[in-house]
Each structure stands twice: as C-alpha cells, then as structure tokens.
Amino acid sequence: MTVRVETTTNAEQWDSLVDQSPQTGFFHQYDALAVLADRFDATLHTLVGYVGQEPVGVFPIFGLERGPLWVAASQPPGVEINTGPALLNFRKLKQRKAEKRHRDFVSGCMEFVEEVLDPDYCKITTTDRYGDVRPLVNHGLDVRPSYTYVLDLDPGAEELLARFSSDARSNVRNADESRYEIREGGVEEIREIVSLVRRRYAQQDEDHYLDAAFVADLYETLGEDAVRPYVCEVDGDVASVMVALEY
C-alpha cells in the first residue's frame, strides 16, 4: 500500500504520534514547534504519513522568508535543534518492506514541500535516532553527517562516575558541599542564564542566537518539568549555569 501524507493542526493527535516514535526528540512536541514558529515568524506544517489508517511517520517543516529566499526547513535557520522525519510502526516489518515504506513516506513529504512550499532552499536536520538518510539523498539533498555522544543513564550515578577520568572523579568526590549550591529556577534564572551565555559568546567574538524571551516562552508553554534552568553558586557567586531540556 502507498503512503498517504496529510497535515494536522491537532496538537493532541500530533503529540500522541510523536510519543509513539523512537526517533523523535524534545522539539518534535507540538508546543515546542509552535513556539519556534511564533518566535521566528514561520509557518508550521506538521506532516503525518499513513498506510491505510495506520500512522507511519511524522515530519515537521517550517516555511519562512529569509532575505530574498523562501526557505523550507525542519528548524528555523540559525537554530541548532533537531527535528526532521521520524518513523513509527516500522519495527514489526521486514527490512525490505520497512525501507520501502520509509522511502514512500519521505517521498510524500518532500512532494508536499516541493509542491506547496516551493522553496528556494531546503534544510533538514534529523535527530541522532534517525539512522537512515538515504531517502533524503534520493531527493537531491546533500547529506553532511554530524556526531554526538548518547549517554545511557540507567546504570546509575556510581557506574557513570566510574567512567569519568580520574581527575573528574576526584573533583566530584572531593568537592566541598558546604561551599556550593545547585538550584533549579524559573523565568528569572532563565534571563540570568541567557545573559551569562551571551556574554561568554561575545567574549569569544561569537554570535549567539538565543534570547531570554524565547527560552522563557518554552518554559512557560511546555512547563517546568520540560525546561529546567540550573544555577550553581560557589560561596554565593554564580559559577556555572545551564538550561536542560527533558523529554
């Protein structure tokens, strides 16, 4: 059976499908995509592939203007996030059938991009869990692999610590807990964190695209369990900060 590609604006339905795929990430969530679309003045298209009534894939794509160009992208230009196509209900299939369904799904999505958006430029960035990019190559996209590390947290803190270098293990175990405090904050801490990060980038003559309002929008839209700003203070002074995304 052929793959049929449709768009949906039903956030609950979309998130249900996103939850079923082993290849999705934080920014596949509808509310996260909507914040991106609003912040970067883009039009969001959430594509779903079906074989009959069975969903087989999701693919978020943004349409937006950048200078003289009309752009189709899985993330607004300059934003270092990963979305792109993600498959579901494919593990039960034999390899040949799974690969054909995958090709047909991506083909249907790219036909939508070409016929509806008709972009001058197209960029797709996938998650680390999306391992087969051949269907994208088939549609003329230049593929540039990038690599990251995926750390399994299941073994627990002690086993993870044992994998660290001896210096890192020593620093963790010998830290004077009376001198530091690590706290989780909210919007006020987000503003402080983004300000510190932007300042650090500026010291290195590097551009930084994030602004506090965007991160605060994510925090207020997706909730404190999803966007978690951390501040580490040593002797009462801020020493390190981060915003962790949990999905």
C-alpha atoms as a PDB file:
ATOM      1  CA  MET A   1       0.000   0.000   0.000  1.00  0.00           C
ATOM      2  CA  THR A   2       1.168   3.524  -0.731  1.00  0.00           C
ATOM      3  CA  VAL A   3       1.886   6.096   1.964  1.00  0.00           C
ATOM      4  CA  ARG A   4      -0.581   8.990   2.180  1.00  0.00           C
ATOM      5  CA  VAL A   5       0.736  12.257   3.643  1.00  0.00           C
ATOM      6  CA  GLU A   6      -1.607  14.669   5.417  1.00  0.00           C
ATOM      7  CA  THR A   7      -1.200  17.777   7.548  1.00  0.00           C
ATOM      8  CA  THR A   8      -2.697  18.127  11.001  1.00  0.00           C
ATOM      9  CA  THR A   9      -3.249  21.045  13.376  1.00  0.00           C
ATOM     10  CA  ASN A  10      -4.499  18.816  16.174  1.00  0.00           C
ATOM     11  CA  ALA A  11      -1.807  19.191  18.843  1.00  0.00           C
ATOM     12  CA  GLU A  12      -3.052  16.288  20.957  1.00  0.00           C
ATOM     13  CA  GLN A  13      -3.117  13.929  17.976  1.00  0.00           C
ATOM     14  CA  TRP A  14       0.336  15.066  16.848  1.00  0.00           C
ATOM     15  CA  ASP A  15       1.914  14.617  20.289  1.00  0.00           C
ATOM     16  CA  SER A  16       0.365  11.175  20.594  1.00  0.00           C
ATOM     17  CA  LEU A  17       2.110  10.146  17.370  1.00  0.00           C
ATOM     18  CA  VAL A  18       5.366  11.808  18.429  1.00  0.00           C
ATOM     19  CA  ASP A  19       5.279   9.813  21.671  1.00  0.00           C
ATOM     20  CA  GLN A  20       4.991   6.569  19.711  1.00  0.00           C
ATOM     21  CA  SER A  21       8.105   7.103  17.600  1.00  0.00           C
ATOM     22  CA  PRO A  22      11.525   6.009  18.902  1.00  0.00           C
ATOM     23  CA  GLN A  23      13.172   8.645  16.667  1.00  0.00           C
ATOM     24  CA  THR A  24      11.614  11.870  17.961  1.00  0.00           C
ATOM     25  CA  GLY A  25      13.101  14.436  20.333  1.00  0.00           C
ATOM     26  CA  PHE A  26      12.151  17.385  22.514  1.00  0.00           C
ATOM     27  CA  PHE A  27      11.430  19.795  19.650  1.00  0.00           C
ATOM     28  CA  HIS A  28       9.068  17.416  17.879  1.00  0.00           C
ATOM     29  CA  GLN A  29       6.452  18.301  20.505  1.00  0.00           C
ATOM     30  CA  TYR A  30       3.709  20.474  19.062  1.00  0.00           C
ATOM     31  CA  ASP A  31       4.002  23.244  21.652  1.00  0.00           C
ATOM     32  CA  ALA A  32       7.764  23.484  21.094  1.00  0.00           C
ATOM     33  CA  LEU A  33       7.244  23.698  17.328  1.00  0.00           C
ATOM     34  CA  ALA A  34       4.560  26.352  17.805  1.00  0.00           C
ATOM     35  CA  VAL A  35       6.886  28.475  19.960  1.00  0.00           C
ATOM     36  CA  LEU A  36       9.564  28.229  17.264  1.00  0.00           C
ATOM     37  CA  ALA A  37       7.105  29.204  14.532  1.00  0.00           C
ATOM     38  CA  ASP A  38       5.895  32.206  16.511  1.00  0.00           C
ATOM     39  CA  ARG A  39       9.356  33.349  17.561  1.00  0.00           C
ATOM     40  CA  PHE A  40      10.876  33.147  14.070  1.00  0.00           C
ATOM     41  CA  ASP A  41       7.821  34.285  12.093  1.00  0.00           C
ATOM     42  CA  ALA A  42       7.486  30.947  10.287  1.00  0.00           C
ATOM     43  CA  THR A  43       4.556  28.880   9.071  1.00  0.00           C
ATOM     44  CA  LEU A  44       4.474  25.436  10.664  1.00  0.00           C
ATOM     45  CA  HIS A  45       3.373  22.371   8.692  1.00  0.00           C
ATOM     46  CA  THR A  46       3.066  19.137  10.676  1.00  0.00           C
ATOM     47  CA  LEU A  47       3.010  16.247   8.211  1.00  0.00           C
ATOM     48  CA  VAL A  48       1.798  12.757   9.073  1.00  0.00           C
ATOM     49  CA  GLY A  49       2.153   9.684   6.860  1.00  0.00           C
ATOM     50  CA  TYR A  50      -0.448   6.907   6.814  1.00  0.00           C
ATOM     51  CA  VAL A  51      -0.724   3.471   5.274  1.00  0.00           C
ATOM     52  CA  GLY A  52      -4.453   2.964   5.326  1.00  0.00           C
ATOM     53  CA  GLN A  53      -5.368   4.147   8.825  1.00  0.00           C
ATOM     54  CA  GLU A  54      -2.003   3.252  10.355  1.00  0.00           C
ATOM     55  CA  PRO A  55       0.354   6.194  11.065  1.00  0.00           C
ATOM     56  CA  VAL A  56       3.870   5.518   9.799  1.00  0.00           C
ATOM     57  CA  GLY A  57       5.754   8.793  10.286  1.00  0.00           C
ATOM     58  CA  VAL A  58       5.779  12.428  11.364  1.00  0.00           C
ATOM     59  CA  PHE A  59       7.688  15.276   9.734  1.00  0.00           C
ATOM     60  CA  PRO A  60       7.514  18.917  10.931  1.00  0.00           C
ATOM     61  CA  ILE A  61       8.548  21.533   8.403  1.00  0.00           C
ATOM     62  CA  PHE A  62       8.690  25.334   8.564  1.00  0.00           C
ATOM     63  CA  GLY A  63       8.143  27.728   5.686  1.00  0.00           C
ATOM     64  CA  LEU A  64       9.666  31.187   6.083  1.00  0.00           C
ATOM     65  CA  GLU A  65      11.296  34.069   4.271  1.00  0.00           C
ATOM     66  CA  ARG A  66      14.955  34.871   4.779  1.00  0.00           C
ATOM     67  CA  GLY A  67      16.075  37.852   2.750  1.00  0.00           C
ATOM     68  CA  PRO A  68      15.214  37.183  -0.905  1.00  0.00           C
ATOM     69  CA  LEU A  69      14.798  33.437  -0.326  1.00  0.00           C
ATOM     70  CA  TRP A  70      11.770  31.306   0.509  1.00  0.00           C
ATOM     71  CA  VAL A  71      13.053  28.590   2.854  1.00  0.00           C
ATOM     72  CA  ALA A  72      11.681  25.194   3.863  1.00  0.00           C
ATOM     73  CA  ALA A  73      13.423  23.766   6.913  1.00  0.00           C
ATOM     74  CA  SER A  74      12.856  21.397   9.803  1.00  0.00           C
ATOM     75  CA  GLN A  75      14.090  24.198  12.054  1.00  0.00           C
ATOM     76  CA  PRO A  76      14.360  27.968  11.562  1.00  0.00           C
ATOM     77  CA  PRO A  77      17.766  28.958  10.117  1.00  0.00           C
ATOM     78  CA  GLY A  78      20.403  29.532  12.770  1.00  0.00           C
ATOM     79  CA  VAL A  79      18.578  27.499  15.410  1.00  0.00           C
ATOM     80  CA  GLU A  80      20.612  24.478  16.451  1.00  0.00           C
ATOM     81  CA  ILE A  81      17.866  21.967  17.115  1.00  0.00           C
ATOM     82  CA  ASN A  82      16.990  18.597  15.619  1.00  0.00           C
ATOM     83  CA  THR A  83      13.577  17.526  14.366  1.00  0.00           C
ATOM     84  CA  GLY A  84      13.113  16.203  10.833  1.00  0.00           C
ATOM     85  CA  PRO A  85      11.353  12.980   9.826  1.00  0.00           C
ATOM     86  CA  ALA A  86      10.646  10.282  12.407  1.00  0.00           C
ATOM     87  CA  LEU A  87       9.124   6.865  11.793  1.00  0.00           C
ATOM     88  CA  LEU A  88       6.671   4.773  13.782  1.00  0.00           C
ATOM     89  CA  ASN A  89       5.172   1.302  13.491  1.00  0.00           C
ATOM     90  CA  PHE A  90       8.146   0.112  11.440  1.00  0.00           C
ATOM     91  CA  ARG A  91       9.970  -2.291  13.759  1.00  0.00           C
ATOM     92  CA  LYS A  92       7.462  -5.070  13.131  1.00  0.00           C
ATOM     93  CA  LEU A  93       8.196  -5.020   9.385  1.00  0.00           C
ATOM     94  CA  LYS A  94      10.778  -6.992   7.469  1.00  0.00           C
ATOM     95  CA  GLN A  95      13.688  -4.853   6.310  1.00  0.00           C
ATOM     96  CA  ARG A  96      12.703  -4.606   2.646  1.00  0.00           C
ATOM     97  CA  LYS A  97       9.148  -3.536   3.454  1.00  0.00           C
ATOM     98  CA  ALA A  98      10.271  -1.143   6.180  1.00  0.00           C
ATOM     99  CA  GLU A  99      12.739   0.553   3.827  1.00  0.00           C
ATOM    100  CA  LYS A 100      10.146   0.880   1.064  1.00  0.00           C
ATOM    101  CA  ARG A 101       7.632   2.403   3.469  1.00  0.00           C
ATOM    102  CA  HIS A 102      10.323   4.781   4.700  1.00  0.00           C
ATOM    103  CA  ARG A 103      11.160   5.872   1.144  1.00  0.00           C
ATOM    104  CA  ASP A 104       7.498   6.368   0.283  1.00  0.00           C
ATOM    105  CA  PHE A 105       6.889   8.413   3.439  1.00  0.00           C
ATOM    106  CA  VAL A 106       9.816  10.754   2.852  1.00  0.00           C
ATOM    107  CA  SER A 107       8.906  10.984  -0.835  1.00  0.00           C
ATOM    108  CA  GLY A 108       5.364  12.054   0.036  1.00  0.00           C
ATOM    109  CA  CYS A 109       6.638  14.672   2.483  1.00  0.00           C
ATOM    110  CA  MET A 110       9.147  16.067   0.011  1.00  0.00           C
ATOM    111  CA  GLU A 111       6.450  16.249  -2.651  1.00  0.00           C
ATOM    112  CA  PHE A 112       4.440  18.403  -0.230  1.00  0.00           C
ATOM    113  CA  VAL A 113       7.493  20.619   0.330  1.00  0.00           C
ATOM    114  CA  GLU A 114       8.139  20.997  -3.388  1.00  0.00           C
ATOM    115  CA  GLU A 115       4.530  21.495  -4.491  1.00  0.00           C
ATOM    116  CA  VAL A 116       3.098  23.506  -1.590  1.00  0.00           C
ATOM    117  CA  LEU A 117       6.100  25.426  -0.260  1.00  0.00           C
ATOM    118  CA  ASP A 118       8.171  25.538  -3.487  1.00  0.00           C
ATOM    119  CA  PRO A 119      11.291  26.690  -1.625  1.00  0.00           C
ATOM    120  CA  ASP A 120      14.471  28.256  -2.963  1.00  0.00           C
ATOM    121  CA  TYR A 121      16.390  26.460  -0.232  1.00  0.00           C
ATOM    122  CA  CYS A 122      15.641  23.383   1.881  1.00  0.00           C
ATOM    123  CA  LYS A 123      17.398  22.158   5.016  1.00  0.00           C
ATOM    124  CA  ILE A 124      16.517  19.124   7.133  1.00  0.00           C
ATOM    125  CA  THR A 125      18.251  18.330  10.416  1.00  0.00           C
ATOM    126  CA  THR A 126      17.370  14.992  11.984  1.00  0.00           C
ATOM    127  CA  THR A 127      17.707  13.560  15.475  1.00  0.00           C
ATOM    128  CA  ASP A 128      20.540  11.175  16.321  1.00  0.00           C
ATOM    129  CA  ARG A 129      17.969   8.344  16.383  1.00  0.00           C
ATOM    130  CA  TYR A 130      17.123   8.735  12.694  1.00  0.00           C
ATOM    131  CA  GLY A 131      19.755   6.488  11.197  1.00  0.00           C
ATOM    132  CA  ASP A 132      18.902   6.012   7.510  1.00  0.00           C
ATOM    133  CA  VAL A 133      19.171   9.200   5.458  1.00  0.00           C
ATOM    134  CA  ARG A 134      19.102   7.524   2.034  1.00  0.00           C
ATOM    135  CA  PRO A 135      15.519   8.674   1.273  1.00  0.00           C
ATOM    136  CA  LEU A 136      16.693  12.283   1.740  1.00  0.00           C
ATOM    137  CA  VAL A 137      19.642  11.666  -0.593  1.00  0.00           C
ATOM    138  CA  ASN A 138      17.205  10.304  -3.173  1.00  0.00           C
ATOM    139  CA  HIS A 139      15.545  13.736  -3.263  1.00  0.00           C
ATOM    140  CA  GLY A 140      18.757  15.553  -4.030  1.00  0.00           C
ATOM    141  CA  LEU A 141      19.685  16.763  -0.559  1.00  0.00           C
ATOM    142  CA  ASP A 142      23.387  16.912   0.265  1.00  0.00           C
ATOM    143  CA  VAL A 143      23.925  14.919   3.450  1.00  0.00           C
ATOM    144  CA  ARG A 144      26.501  16.035   5.999  1.00  0.00           C
ATOM    145  CA  PRO A 145      26.775  13.690   8.967  1.00  0.00           C
ATOM    146  CA  SER A 146      27.379  15.103  12.426  1.00  0.00           C
ATOM    147  CA  TYR A 147      28.146  13.115  15.534  1.00  0.00           C
ATOM    148  CA  THR A 148      27.335  13.266  19.200  1.00  0.00           C
ATOM    149  CA  TYR A 149      27.509  11.053  22.272  1.00  0.00           C
ATOM    150  CA  VAL A 150      24.472   9.373  23.770  1.00  0.00           C
ATOM    151  CA  LEU A 151      24.907   8.508  27.435  1.00  0.00           C
ATOM    152  CA  ASP A 152      22.734   5.810  28.970  1.00  0.00           C
ATOM    153  CA  LEU A 153      21.767   6.941  32.479  1.00  0.00           C
ATOM    154  CA  ASP A 154      20.205   3.618  33.528  1.00  0.00           C
ATOM    155  CA  PRO A 155      23.324   2.168  35.240  1.00  0.00           C
ATOM    156  CA  GLY A 156      23.143   4.797  37.998  1.00  0.00           C
ATOM    157  CA  ALA A 157      25.372   7.535  39.379  1.00  0.00           C
ATOM    158  CA  GLU A 158      28.251   5.404  40.699  1.00  0.00           C
ATOM    159  CA  GLU A 159      28.721   3.423  37.494  1.00  0.00           C
ATOM    160  CA  LEU A 160      28.529   6.594  35.421  1.00  0.00           C
ATOM    161  CA  LEU A 161      31.096   8.265  37.686  1.00  0.00           C
ATOM    162  CA  ALA A 162      33.421   5.264  37.256  1.00  0.00           C
ATOM    163  CA  ARG A 163      33.562   6.039  33.511  1.00  0.00           C
ATOM    164  CA  PHE A 164      34.907   9.542  34.142  1.00  0.00           C
ATOM    165  CA  SER A 165      38.597  10.396  34.073  1.00  0.00           C
ATOM    166  CA  SER A 166      40.439  10.121  37.376  1.00  0.00           C
ATOM    167  CA  ASP A 167      40.649  13.930  37.646  1.00  0.00           C
ATOM    168  CA  ALA A 168      36.907  14.313  37.096  1.00  0.00           C
ATOM    169  CA  ARG A 169      36.105  11.608  39.656  1.00  0.00           C
ATOM    170  CA  SER A 170      38.391  13.296  42.164  1.00  0.00           C
ATOM    171  CA  ASN A 171      36.806  16.709  41.566  1.00  0.00           C
ATOM    172  CA  VAL A 172      33.326  15.295  42.135  1.00  0.00           C
ATOM    173  CA  ARG A 173      34.171  13.273  45.239  1.00  0.00           C
ATOM    174  CA  ASN A 174      36.357  15.894  46.900  1.00  0.00           C
ATOM    175  CA  ALA A 175      34.060  18.872  46.330  1.00  0.00           C
ATOM    176  CA  ASP A 176      33.288  20.836  49.488  1.00  0.00           C
ATOM    177  CA  GLU A 177      29.490  20.665  49.552  1.00  0.00           C
ATOM    178  CA  SER A 178      29.332  23.444  52.129  1.00  0.00           C
ATOM    179  CA  ARG A 179      30.675  25.924  49.556  1.00  0.00           C
ATOM    180  CA  TYR A 180      28.291  25.386  46.688  1.00  0.00           C
ATOM    181  CA  GLU A 181      24.585  25.214  45.997  1.00  0.00           C
ATOM    182  CA  ILE A 182      22.878  23.946  42.853  1.00  0.00           C
ATOM    183  CA  ARG A 183      19.343  25.209  42.459  1.00  0.00           C
ATOM    184  CA  GLU A 184      16.655  24.906  39.840  1.00  0.00           C
ATOM    185  CA  GLY A 185      14.942  28.147  38.978  1.00  0.00           C
ATOM    186  CA  GLY A 186      12.313  29.710  36.737  1.00  0.00           C
ATOM    187  CA  VAL A 187      11.957  32.613  34.332  1.00  0.00           C
ATOM    188  CA  GLU A 188      14.196  34.922  36.365  1.00  0.00           C
ATOM    189  CA  GLU A 189      17.004  32.345  36.289  1.00  0.00           C
ATOM    190  CA  ILE A 190      16.461  31.808  32.562  1.00  0.00           C
ATOM    191  CA  ARG A 191      17.080  35.505  31.950  1.00  0.00           C
ATOM    192  CA  GLU A 192      20.232  35.344  34.066  1.00  0.00           C
ATOM    193  CA  ILE A 193      21.472  32.197  32.300  1.00  0.00           C
ATOM    194  CA  VAL A 194      20.917  33.504  28.772  1.00  0.00           C
ATOM    195  CA  SER A 195      22.571  36.795  29.673  1.00  0.00           C
ATOM    196  CA  LEU A 196      25.660  34.989  31.003  1.00  0.00           C
ATOM    197  CA  VAL A 197      25.855  32.696  27.966  1.00  0.00           C
ATOM    198  CA  ARG A 198      25.512  35.587  25.515  1.00  0.00           C
ATOM    199  CA  ARG A 199      28.228  37.477  27.403  1.00  0.00           C
ATOM    200  CA  ARG A 200      30.542  34.457  27.220  1.00  0.00           C
ATOM    201  CA  TYR A 201      29.966  34.118  23.473  1.00  0.00           C
ATOM    202  CA  ALA A 202      30.643  37.840  22.986  1.00  0.00           C
ATOM    203  CA  GLN A 203      33.971  37.486  24.812  1.00  0.00           C
ATOM    204  CA  GLN A 204      34.958  34.967  22.133  1.00  0.00           C
ATOM    205  CA  ASP A 205      33.611  37.141  19.277  1.00  0.00           C
ATOM    206  CA  GLU A 206      30.944  34.534  18.560  1.00  0.00           C
ATOM    207  CA  ASP A 207      27.302  35.166  17.703  1.00  0.00           C
ATOM    208  CA  HIS A 208      24.593  33.629  19.863  1.00  0.00           C
ATOM    209  CA  TYR A 209      21.048  33.378  18.523  1.00  0.00           C
ATOM    210  CA  LEU A 210      19.146  32.684  21.745  1.00  0.00           C
ATOM    211  CA  ASP A 211      17.295  35.362  23.633  1.00  0.00           C
ATOM    212  CA  ALA A 212      15.736  35.072  27.049  1.00  0.00           C
ATOM    213  CA  ALA A 213      12.192  35.660  25.792  1.00  0.00           C
ATOM    214  CA  PHE A 214      12.381  32.604  23.520  1.00  0.00           C
ATOM    215  CA  VAL A 215      13.622  30.294  26.302  1.00  0.00           C
ATOM    216  CA  ALA A 216      11.070  31.764  28.711  1.00  0.00           C
ATOM    217  CA  ASP A 217       8.317  31.050  26.150  1.00  0.00           C
ATOM    218  CA  LEU A 218       9.433  27.410  26.013  1.00  0.00           C
ATOM    219  CA  TYR A 219       9.457  27.255  29.815  1.00  0.00           C
ATOM    220  CA  GLU A 220       6.014  28.772  30.204  1.00  0.00           C
ATOM    221  CA  THR A 221       4.494  26.752  27.343  1.00  0.00           C
ATOM    222  CA  LEU A 222       5.948  23.306  27.999  1.00  0.00           C
ATOM    223  CA  GLY A 223       6.279  23.593  31.766  1.00  0.00           C
ATOM    224  CA  GLU A 224       8.935  23.366  34.452  1.00  0.00           C
ATOM    225  CA  ASP A 225       9.263  19.581  34.054  1.00  0.00           C
ATOM    226  CA  ALA A 226      10.417  20.047  30.441  1.00  0.00           C
ATOM    227  CA  VAL A 227      12.590  23.186  30.575  1.00  0.00           C
ATOM    228  CA  ARG A 228      14.848  23.175  33.604  1.00  0.00           C
ATOM    229  CA  PRO A 229      17.175  26.115  34.335  1.00  0.00           C
ATOM    230  CA  TYR A 230      20.005  25.274  36.761  1.00  0.00           C
ATOM    231  CA  VAL A 231      22.313  27.677  38.568  1.00  0.00           C
ATOM    232  CA  CYS A 232      25.414  26.658  40.533  1.00  0.00           C
ATOM    233  CA  GLU A 233      26.651  29.142  43.130  1.00  0.00           C
ATOM    234  CA  VAL A 234      30.024  28.841  44.869  1.00  0.00           C
ATOM    235  CA  ASP A 235      30.467  30.935  48.012  1.00  0.00           C
ATOM    236  CA  GLY A 236      27.356  32.847  46.986  1.00  0.00           C
ATOM    237  CA  ASP A 237      28.593  33.762  43.487  1.00  0.00           C
ATOM    238  CA  VAL A 238      27.195  32.280  40.273  1.00  0.00           C
ATOM    239  CA  ALA A 239      29.851  29.915  38.899  1.00  0.00           C
ATOM    240  CA  SER A 240      28.008  27.863  36.278  1.00  0.00           C
ATOM    241  CA  VAL A 241      24.590  27.767  34.612  1.00  0.00           C
ATOM    242  CA  MET A 242      22.633  25.668  32.135  1.00  0.00           C
ATOM    243  CA  VAL A 243      19.150  25.129  30.735  1.00  0.00           C
ATOM    244  CA  ALA A 244      18.396  21.410  30.433  1.00  0.00           C
ATOM    245  CA  LEU A 245      15.593  20.139  28.207  1.00  0.00           C
ATOM    246  CA  GLU A 246      13.843  16.984  29.423  1.00  0.00           C
ATOM    247  CA  TYR A 247      11.732  14.764  27.184  1.00  0.00           C
END
